[in-house]
Amino acid sequence: MAQISVRTLLNGIAKSRLKLPACSRTQSYATEASPEDYGYYPDPLEAATGREKKMLLARLAGDDRYEPKVYYRAETSTREKPNLVPAHFNERIIGCMCEPDSGHVNFMIIRKGPPKRCECGHWFKAIDADPESV
């Protein structure tokens, strides 16, 4: 009986030592910037002018100039009537899917000037792109 009372006494002391008050540090984080605290930041579209505004409006409409564009080639093309590809620079990399069911894309570089023939027989020619096209 003495052992049980000593054991309960020691268990009580051990538990009371573990229940020391814990030091806790609370830090509050801002969830969103309040205009009352930080002022009003304008929308980039409101501040943009000229080409930058045209580019932002085109991107909002879903036309991103840095995304690849799909141009469908003509059924038949010849040296005299090639597929015209707009290019902002002297050369452009294009990809031709020679066969409709092909999983392979044949990439080639076309330059402004004479048309170039793909392995499948289609002709492509780089032309000057509209400088205002975004």
N, C-alpha and C. Protein backbone atom coordinates (compact mmCIF):
# COMPACT_ATOMS: atom_id res chain seq x y z
N MET A 1 0.81 -1.17 0.00
CA MET A 1 0.00 0.00 0.00
C MET A 1 0.86 1.25 0.00
N ALA A 2 1.96 1.16 0.69
CA ALA A 2 2.88 2.30 0.74
C ALA A 2 3.48 2.54 -0.64
N GLN A 3 3.72 1.42 -1.38
CA GLN A 3 4.29 1.58 -2.71
C GLN A 3 3.31 2.29 -3.65
N ILE A 4 2.04 1.99 -3.52
CA ILE A 4 1.04 2.60 -4.39
C ILE A 4 0.95 4.10 -4.10
N SER A 5 0.96 4.48 -2.83
CA SER A 5 0.85 5.90 -2.50
C SER A 5 2.10 6.67 -2.94
N VAL A 6 3.29 6.05 -2.80
CA VAL A 6 4.53 6.70 -3.26
C VAL A 6 4.51 6.84 -4.78
N ARG A 7 4.03 5.77 -5.46
CA ARG A 7 3.99 5.80 -6.92
C ARG A 7 3.04 6.90 -7.40
N THR A 8 1.87 7.03 -6.79
CA THR A 8 0.93 8.07 -7.20
C THR A 8 1.48 9.46 -6.89
N LEU A 9 2.21 9.59 -5.79
CA LEU A 9 2.82 10.87 -5.44
C LEU A 9 3.89 11.25 -6.46
N LEU A 10 4.75 10.28 -6.85
CA LEU A 10 5.80 10.56 -7.83
C LEU A 10 5.21 10.85 -9.21
N ASN A 11 4.17 10.12 -9.59
CA ASN A 11 3.50 10.38 -10.87
C ASN A 11 2.89 11.78 -10.89
N GLY A 12 2.32 12.19 -9.78
CA GLY A 12 1.74 13.53 -9.69
C GLY A 12 2.79 14.62 -9.82
N ILE A 13 3.97 14.39 -9.19
CA ILE A 13 5.06 15.37 -9.30
C ILE A 13 5.59 15.43 -10.73
N ALA A 14 5.75 14.26 -11.35
CA ALA A 14 6.26 14.23 -12.73
C ALA A 14 5.30 14.92 -13.69
N LYS A 15 4.02 14.71 -13.53
CA LYS A 15 3.05 15.35 -14.40
C LYS A 15 3.00 16.86 -14.18
N SER A 16 3.15 17.28 -12.94
CA SER A 16 3.09 18.71 -12.66
C SER A 16 4.31 19.43 -13.24
N ARG A 17 5.46 18.74 -13.31
CA ARG A 17 6.65 19.35 -13.92
C ARG A 17 6.46 19.50 -15.43
N LEU A 18 5.75 18.58 -16.06
CA LEU A 18 5.55 18.65 -17.49
C LEU A 18 4.55 19.74 -17.88
N LYS A 19 3.78 20.18 -16.91
CA LYS A 19 2.77 21.19 -17.20
C LYS A 19 3.28 22.60 -16.92
N LEU A 20 4.52 22.84 -17.25
CA LEU A 20 5.05 24.19 -17.10
C LEU A 20 4.39 25.10 -18.12
N PRO A 21 4.23 26.34 -17.79
CA PRO A 21 3.60 27.23 -18.77
C PRO A 21 4.49 27.36 -20.01
N ALA A 22 3.91 27.11 -21.15
CA ALA A 22 4.66 27.14 -22.41
C ALA A 22 4.78 28.57 -22.90
N CYS A 23 5.93 28.89 -23.42
CA CYS A 23 6.14 30.21 -24.00
C CYS A 23 5.62 30.17 -25.43
N SER A 24 4.69 30.99 -25.73
CA SER A 24 4.15 31.01 -27.09
C SER A 24 4.31 32.41 -27.66
N ARG A 25 4.61 32.44 -28.94
CA ARG A 25 4.80 33.70 -29.62
C ARG A 25 3.75 33.78 -30.71
N THR A 26 2.97 34.80 -30.68
CA THR A 26 1.96 34.97 -31.72
C THR A 26 2.38 36.10 -32.63
N GLN A 27 2.24 35.86 -33.92
CA GLN A 27 2.57 36.88 -34.91
C GLN A 27 1.43 36.93 -35.90
N SER A 28 0.95 38.11 -36.14
CA SER A 28 -0.15 38.22 -37.08
C SER A 28 0.40 38.54 -38.47
N TYR A 29 -0.19 37.91 -39.46
CA TYR A 29 0.20 38.12 -40.85
C TYR A 29 -0.96 38.78 -41.58
N ALA A 30 -0.63 39.66 -42.49
CA ALA A 30 -1.67 40.31 -43.29
C ALA A 30 -2.18 39.32 -44.33
N THR A 31 -3.48 39.26 -44.47
CA THR A 31 -4.05 38.35 -45.46
C THR A 31 -4.21 39.05 -46.81
N GLU A 32 -4.52 40.32 -46.80
CA GLU A 32 -4.59 41.07 -48.04
C GLU A 32 -4.31 42.54 -47.73
N ALA A 33 -3.79 43.23 -48.71
CA ALA A 33 -3.46 44.64 -48.51
C ALA A 33 -4.75 45.46 -48.53
N SER A 34 -4.91 46.24 -47.51
CA SER A 34 -6.09 47.07 -47.41
C SER A 34 -5.81 48.42 -48.06
N PRO A 35 -6.67 48.91 -48.94
CA PRO A 35 -6.44 50.22 -49.54
C PRO A 35 -6.38 51.34 -48.51
N GLU A 36 -7.07 51.16 -47.38
CA GLU A 36 -7.02 52.19 -46.34
C GLU A 36 -5.62 52.27 -45.72
N ASP A 37 -4.94 51.13 -45.62
CA ASP A 37 -3.62 51.11 -45.01
C ASP A 37 -2.50 51.44 -45.99
N TYR A 38 -2.60 50.96 -47.20
CA TYR A 38 -1.48 51.04 -48.14
C TYR A 38 -1.75 51.93 -49.34
N GLY A 39 -2.93 52.45 -49.51
CA GLY A 39 -3.24 53.28 -50.66
C GLY A 39 -3.77 52.45 -51.81
N TYR A 40 -4.12 53.11 -52.89
CA TYR A 40 -4.74 52.45 -54.04
C TYR A 40 -3.69 52.21 -55.12
N TYR A 41 -3.60 50.98 -55.59
CA TYR A 41 -2.71 50.64 -56.69
C TYR A 41 -3.55 50.48 -57.95
N PRO A 42 -3.23 51.23 -59.00
CA PRO A 42 -4.06 51.14 -60.20
C PRO A 42 -3.87 49.82 -60.93
N ASP A 43 -4.88 49.48 -61.69
CA ASP A 43 -4.81 48.30 -62.54
C ASP A 43 -3.79 48.56 -63.64
N PRO A 44 -2.93 47.58 -63.99
CA PRO A 44 -1.94 47.82 -65.05
C PRO A 44 -2.58 48.24 -66.38
N LEU A 45 -3.80 47.80 -66.62
CA LEU A 45 -4.48 48.18 -67.86
C LEU A 45 -4.82 49.66 -67.87
N GLU A 46 -5.11 50.23 -66.68
CA GLU A 46 -5.42 51.65 -66.59
C GLU A 46 -4.18 52.51 -66.86
N ALA A 47 -3.02 52.04 -66.44
CA ALA A 47 -1.79 52.81 -66.57
C ALA A 47 -1.13 52.63 -67.93
N ALA A 48 -1.47 51.56 -68.65
CA ALA A 48 -0.80 51.26 -69.92
C ALA A 48 -1.31 52.16 -71.04
N THR A 49 -0.40 52.45 -71.97
CA THR A 49 -0.77 53.23 -73.15
C THR A 49 -0.08 52.63 -74.37
N GLY A 50 -0.58 52.96 -75.55
CA GLY A 50 0.08 52.58 -76.79
C GLY A 50 0.12 51.08 -77.02
N ARG A 51 1.31 50.61 -77.44
CA ARG A 51 1.48 49.19 -77.76
C ARG A 51 1.28 48.29 -76.55
N GLU A 52 1.72 48.77 -75.38
CA GLU A 52 1.57 47.95 -74.17
C GLU A 52 0.09 47.70 -73.88
N LYS A 53 -0.74 48.74 -74.01
CA LYS A 53 -2.17 48.58 -73.77
C LYS A 53 -2.79 47.64 -74.80
N LYS A 54 -2.36 47.78 -76.06
CA LYS A 54 -2.87 46.91 -77.12
C LYS A 54 -2.51 45.45 -76.83
N MET A 55 -1.28 45.23 -76.34
CA MET A 55 -0.84 43.88 -76.02
C MET A 55 -1.64 43.30 -74.85
N LEU A 56 -1.89 44.12 -73.80
CA LEU A 56 -2.67 43.65 -72.66
C LEU A 56 -4.11 43.33 -73.06
N LEU A 57 -4.71 44.18 -73.89
CA LEU A 57 -6.08 43.92 -74.35
C LEU A 57 -6.15 42.66 -75.20
N ALA A 58 -5.13 42.44 -76.04
CA ALA A 58 -5.11 41.22 -76.86
C ALA A 58 -4.95 39.99 -75.98
N ARG A 59 -4.13 40.08 -74.93
CA ARG A 59 -3.94 38.94 -74.03
C ARG A 59 -5.23 38.63 -73.27
N LEU A 60 -5.95 39.68 -72.86
CA LEU A 60 -7.23 39.46 -72.19
C LEU A 60 -8.26 38.84 -73.13
N ALA A 61 -8.15 39.14 -74.42
CA ALA A 61 -9.07 38.57 -75.40
C ALA A 61 -8.68 37.14 -75.77
N GLY A 62 -7.52 36.67 -75.29
CA GLY A 62 -7.11 35.29 -75.55
C GLY A 62 -6.07 35.15 -76.64
N ASP A 63 -5.52 36.27 -77.13
CA ASP A 63 -4.52 36.22 -78.19
C ASP A 63 -3.18 36.64 -77.60
N ASP A 64 -2.40 35.66 -77.16
CA ASP A 64 -1.08 35.94 -76.58
C ASP A 64 -0.04 35.79 -77.68
N ARG A 65 0.77 36.82 -77.89
CA ARG A 65 1.72 36.80 -79.00
C ARG A 65 2.83 35.77 -78.80
N TYR A 66 3.03 35.32 -77.58
CA TYR A 66 4.10 34.37 -77.32
C TYR A 66 3.63 32.92 -77.36
N GLU A 67 2.34 32.71 -77.55
CA GLU A 67 1.81 31.36 -77.70
C GLU A 67 1.92 30.96 -79.17
N PRO A 68 2.19 29.69 -79.45
CA PRO A 68 2.26 29.27 -80.85
C PRO A 68 0.89 29.38 -81.53
N LYS A 69 0.91 29.84 -82.75
CA LYS A 69 -0.33 29.98 -83.50
C LYS A 69 -0.40 28.86 -84.54
N VAL A 70 -1.60 28.41 -84.81
CA VAL A 70 -1.80 27.34 -85.78
C VAL A 70 -2.29 27.97 -87.08
N TYR A 71 -1.55 27.75 -88.14
CA TYR A 71 -1.95 28.18 -89.48
C TYR A 71 -2.22 26.91 -90.28
N TYR A 72 -3.38 26.84 -90.91
CA TYR A 72 -3.70 25.66 -91.71
C TYR A 72 -3.21 25.89 -93.13
N ARG A 73 -2.48 24.93 -93.64
CA ARG A 73 -1.93 25.06 -94.98
C ARG A 73 -3.01 24.77 -96.02
N ALA A 74 -2.74 25.22 -97.23
CA ALA A 74 -3.67 24.99 -98.33
C ALA A 74 -3.62 23.52 -98.74
N GLU A 75 -4.67 23.06 -99.40
CA GLU A 75 -4.70 21.67 -99.86
C GLU A 75 -3.55 21.40 -100.82
N THR A 76 -3.35 22.32 -101.74
CA THR A 76 -2.23 22.20 -102.68
C THR A 76 -1.49 23.53 -102.68
N SER A 77 -0.19 23.45 -102.73
CA SER A 77 0.62 24.66 -102.81
C SER A 77 1.73 24.43 -103.83
N THR A 78 2.07 25.47 -104.54
CA THR A 78 3.11 25.39 -105.56
C THR A 78 4.15 26.46 -105.28
N ARG A 79 5.20 26.44 -106.08
CA ARG A 79 6.23 27.46 -105.92
C ARG A 79 5.64 28.85 -106.21
N GLU A 80 4.72 28.93 -107.16
CA GLU A 80 4.11 30.21 -107.52
C GLU A 80 3.05 30.65 -106.50
N LYS A 81 2.41 29.69 -105.84
CA LYS A 81 1.36 30.00 -104.86
C LYS A 81 1.64 29.24 -103.56
N PRO A 82 2.64 29.71 -102.77
CA PRO A 82 3.00 29.00 -101.53
C PRO A 82 2.08 29.39 -100.37
N ASN A 83 2.21 28.67 -99.27
CA ASN A 83 1.54 29.04 -98.03
C ASN A 83 2.31 30.21 -97.44
N LEU A 84 1.62 31.32 -97.17
CA LEU A 84 2.27 32.53 -96.67
C LEU A 84 2.27 32.51 -95.14
N VAL A 85 3.46 32.75 -94.57
CA VAL A 85 3.63 32.73 -93.11
C VAL A 85 4.17 34.09 -92.69
N PRO A 86 3.44 34.84 -91.83
CA PRO A 86 3.94 36.14 -91.40
C PRO A 86 5.13 35.99 -90.46
N ALA A 87 6.13 36.86 -90.67
CA ALA A 87 7.34 36.81 -89.84
C ALA A 87 7.77 38.24 -89.50
N HIS A 88 8.10 38.47 -88.24
CA HIS A 88 8.57 39.79 -87.81
C HIS A 88 10.06 39.96 -88.07
N PHE A 89 10.78 38.88 -88.24
CA PHE A 89 12.22 38.93 -88.47
C PHE A 89 12.54 38.32 -89.83
N ASN A 90 13.81 38.18 -90.16
CA ASN A 90 14.20 37.67 -91.47
C ASN A 90 13.91 36.19 -91.64
N GLU A 91 13.81 35.46 -90.55
CA GLU A 91 13.54 34.03 -90.64
C GLU A 91 12.56 33.62 -89.56
N ARG A 92 11.95 32.46 -89.77
CA ARG A 92 10.97 31.95 -88.81
C ARG A 92 11.00 30.43 -88.82
N ILE A 93 10.83 29.84 -87.65
CA ILE A 93 10.76 28.38 -87.52
C ILE A 93 9.29 27.98 -87.63
N ILE A 94 9.01 27.05 -88.52
CA ILE A 94 7.64 26.55 -88.67
C ILE A 94 7.66 25.03 -88.55
N GLY A 95 6.52 24.47 -88.24
CA GLY A 95 6.37 23.02 -88.17
C GLY A 95 5.26 22.58 -89.10
N CYS A 96 5.52 21.57 -89.89
CA CYS A 96 4.54 21.05 -90.85
C CYS A 96 4.23 19.60 -90.48
N MET A 97 2.94 19.32 -90.27
CA MET A 97 2.52 17.93 -90.08
C MET A 97 2.20 17.39 -91.46
N CYS A 98 3.16 16.70 -92.03
CA CYS A 98 3.06 16.27 -93.43
C CYS A 98 1.86 15.36 -93.68
N GLU A 99 1.61 14.43 -92.80
CA GLU A 99 0.46 13.52 -92.93
C GLU A 99 -0.56 13.87 -91.86
N PRO A 100 -1.86 13.78 -92.17
CA PRO A 100 -2.88 14.15 -91.18
C PRO A 100 -2.83 13.30 -89.91
N ASP A 101 -2.50 12.02 -90.03
CA ASP A 101 -2.48 11.13 -88.87
C ASP A 101 -1.10 11.01 -88.25
N SER A 102 -0.17 11.80 -88.72
CA SER A 102 1.20 11.71 -88.25
C SER A 102 1.34 12.34 -86.86
N GLY A 103 2.12 11.71 -86.03
CA GLY A 103 2.44 12.28 -84.73
C GLY A 103 3.75 13.05 -84.77
N HIS A 104 4.38 13.06 -85.93
CA HIS A 104 5.68 13.71 -86.10
C HIS A 104 5.48 15.07 -86.77
N VAL A 105 6.17 16.08 -86.26
CA VAL A 105 6.12 17.41 -86.85
C VAL A 105 7.47 17.68 -87.50
N ASN A 106 7.46 18.08 -88.75
CA ASN A 106 8.68 18.38 -89.49
C ASN A 106 8.96 19.88 -89.34
N PHE A 107 9.97 20.23 -88.53
CA PHE A 107 10.32 21.62 -88.31
C PHE A 107 11.35 22.06 -89.34
N MET A 108 11.22 23.32 -89.78
CA MET A 108 12.20 23.88 -90.72
C MET A 108 12.24 25.39 -90.54
N ILE A 109 13.32 25.98 -91.01
CA ILE A 109 13.49 27.42 -90.95
C ILE A 109 13.21 27.98 -92.34
N ILE A 110 12.29 28.93 -92.40
CA ILE A 110 12.05 29.60 -93.68
C ILE A 110 12.52 31.04 -93.55
N ARG A 111 13.07 31.56 -94.63
CA ARG A 111 13.59 32.92 -94.65
C ARG A 111 12.78 33.76 -95.63
N LYS A 112 12.80 35.06 -95.40
CA LYS A 112 12.12 35.95 -96.34
C LYS A 112 12.85 35.89 -97.68
N GLY A 113 12.09 35.85 -98.72
CA GLY A 113 12.68 35.73 -100.05
C GLY A 113 12.00 34.60 -100.80
N PRO A 114 12.78 33.73 -101.42
CA PRO A 114 12.16 32.65 -102.20
C PRO A 114 11.47 31.63 -101.30
N PRO A 115 10.41 30.99 -101.79
CA PRO A 115 9.70 29.99 -100.99
C PRO A 115 10.56 28.74 -100.77
N LYS A 116 10.22 27.99 -99.71
CA LYS A 116 10.95 26.77 -99.37
C LYS A 116 9.98 25.59 -99.40
N ARG A 117 10.47 24.46 -99.86
CA ARG A 117 9.64 23.27 -100.00
C ARG A 117 9.85 22.33 -98.82
N CYS A 118 8.74 21.81 -98.29
CA CYS A 118 8.79 20.81 -97.22
C CYS A 118 9.01 19.44 -97.84
N GLU A 119 9.34 18.46 -97.00
CA GLU A 119 9.54 17.09 -97.48
C GLU A 119 8.27 16.49 -98.09
N CYS A 120 7.11 16.98 -97.63
CA CYS A 120 5.84 16.44 -98.13
C CYS A 120 5.42 17.08 -99.44
N GLY A 121 6.11 18.11 -99.88
CA GLY A 121 5.79 18.73 -101.16
C GLY A 121 5.11 20.08 -101.06
N HIS A 122 4.73 20.50 -99.86
CA HIS A 122 4.09 21.81 -99.69
C HIS A 122 5.15 22.90 -99.68
N TRP A 123 4.77 24.07 -100.19
CA TRP A 123 5.68 25.22 -100.26
C TRP A 123 5.27 26.26 -99.22
N PHE A 124 6.27 26.90 -98.60
CA PHE A 124 6.04 27.93 -97.59
C PHE A 124 6.91 29.14 -97.91
N LYS A 125 6.37 30.33 -97.61
CA LYS A 125 7.12 31.56 -97.84
C LYS A 125 6.88 32.50 -96.68
N ALA A 126 7.96 33.09 -96.15
CA ALA A 126 7.87 34.07 -95.07
C ALA A 126 7.62 35.44 -95.68
N ILE A 127 6.62 36.13 -95.16
CA ILE A 127 6.31 37.49 -95.62
C ILE A 127 6.39 38.42 -94.42
N ASP A 128 6.46 39.72 -94.70
CA ASP A 128 6.50 40.71 -93.61
C ASP A 128 5.19 40.69 -92.85
N ALA A 129 5.30 40.61 -91.53
CA ALA A 129 4.12 40.66 -90.68
C ALA A 129 3.75 42.11 -90.43
N ASP A 130 2.53 42.35 -90.08
CA ASP A 130 2.08 43.69 -89.77
C ASP A 130 2.83 44.19 -88.54
N PRO A 131 3.54 45.33 -88.63
CA PRO A 131 4.31 45.78 -87.47
C PRO A 131 3.45 46.13 -86.27
N GLU A 132 2.19 46.46 -86.50
CA GLU A 132 1.30 46.78 -85.39
C GLU A 132 0.65 45.55 -84.78
N SER A 133 0.85 44.38 -85.41
CA SER A 133 0.25 43.16 -84.85
C SER A 133 0.97 42.82 -83.56
N VAL A 134 0.20 42.56 -82.57
CA VAL A 134 0.78 42.31 -81.25
C VAL A 134 0.87 40.84 -80.99
